[in-house]
Amino acid sequence: MATEIAAHITGTVWKIEKAVGGLVAEGEPLLILELMEREVPLEAPVAGREREVGCKASQEVAEGDIVVVLE
């Protein structure tokens, strides 16, 4: 079953921590968003494998945008 993870703030994707296919633990950072010169991690709500990354570094994302899909 897939878990869609949405951006919790509007900001710029500063760094993507895991590549597609990578295993992640619950609470592990998936990517880092930047907002007003502050780095804000987006953490995995559940453990799983990254199936899809719907953004890239330097891309603007809005709160609620689906940025990662775990399976």
Protein backbone atom coordinates (compact mmCIF):
# COMPACT_ATOMS: atom_id res chain seq x y z
CA MET A 1 0.00 0.00 0.00
CA ALA A 2 1.41 3.39 -1.01
CA THR A 3 1.77 6.33 1.36
CA GLU A 4 1.70 9.77 -0.26
CA ILE A 5 3.66 12.40 1.62
CA ALA A 6 2.79 16.05 1.14
CA ALA A 7 4.89 19.13 1.80
CA HIS A 8 3.93 20.53 5.20
CA ILE A 9 5.06 24.06 4.29
CA THR A 10 5.46 26.15 1.15
CA GLY A 11 9.12 26.50 0.27
CA THR A 12 12.00 25.48 -1.97
CA VAL A 13 13.38 21.95 -2.11
CA TRP A 14 16.92 22.42 -0.86
CA LYS A 15 18.09 18.80 -0.80
CA ILE A 16 16.62 15.37 -1.52
CA GLU A 17 17.98 12.93 1.06
CA LYS A 18 16.93 9.59 -0.49
CA ALA A 19 16.80 8.30 -4.05
CA VAL A 20 13.96 6.29 -5.57
CA GLY A 21 14.25 2.70 -4.37
CA GLY A 22 15.95 3.65 -1.11
CA LEU A 23 14.74 2.26 2.20
CA VAL A 24 13.67 4.78 4.83
CA ALA A 25 12.91 4.40 8.52
CA GLU A 26 10.03 6.11 10.27
CA GLY A 27 11.12 9.63 11.23
CA GLU A 28 14.03 9.69 8.77
CA PRO A 29 14.35 12.88 6.67
CA LEU A 30 13.22 12.43 3.06
CA LEU A 31 14.07 15.91 1.88
CA ILE A 32 14.96 19.33 3.21
CA LEU A 33 12.79 22.34 2.42
CA GLU A 34 14.07 25.89 2.72
CA LEU A 35 11.84 28.69 3.90
CA MET A 36 13.17 32.16 4.65
CA GLU A 37 16.76 30.85 4.99
CA ARG A 38 15.64 28.15 7.43
CA GLU A 39 16.06 24.44 6.67
CA VAL A 40 12.99 22.35 7.50
CA PRO A 41 13.19 18.54 7.15
CA LEU A 42 10.26 16.52 5.81
CA GLU A 43 10.33 13.23 7.70
CA ALA A 44 8.89 9.84 6.77
CA PRO A 45 5.69 9.16 8.75
CA VAL A 46 6.20 5.40 8.23
CA ALA A 47 9.03 3.08 7.24
CA GLY A 48 9.14 1.93 3.63
CA ARG A 49 10.84 2.14 0.26
CA GLU A 50 10.79 5.32 -1.81
CA ARG A 51 8.69 4.60 -4.89
CA GLU A 52 8.49 8.11 -6.32
CA VAL A 53 9.96 11.57 -5.76
CA GLY A 54 7.67 14.20 -7.24
CA CYS A 55 10.07 17.13 -7.01
CA LYS A 56 13.68 18.09 -7.63
CA ALA A 57 16.25 20.28 -5.94
CA SER A 58 15.59 24.04 -6.28
CA GLN A 59 11.92 23.46 -7.10
CA GLU A 60 9.24 25.51 -5.37
CA VAL A 61 6.55 23.40 -3.66
CA ALA A 62 3.33 24.47 -2.01
CA GLU A 63 1.92 23.19 1.25
CA GLY A 64 -0.08 20.07 0.40
CA ASP A 65 1.84 19.15 -2.77
CA ILE A 66 2.63 15.41 -2.92
CA VAL A 67 6.43 15.26 -2.99
CA VAL A 68 7.24 11.62 -2.08
CA VAL A 69 5.45 8.29 -2.37
CA LEU A 70 6.52 5.39 -0.12
CA GLU A 71 5.55 1.75 -0.47
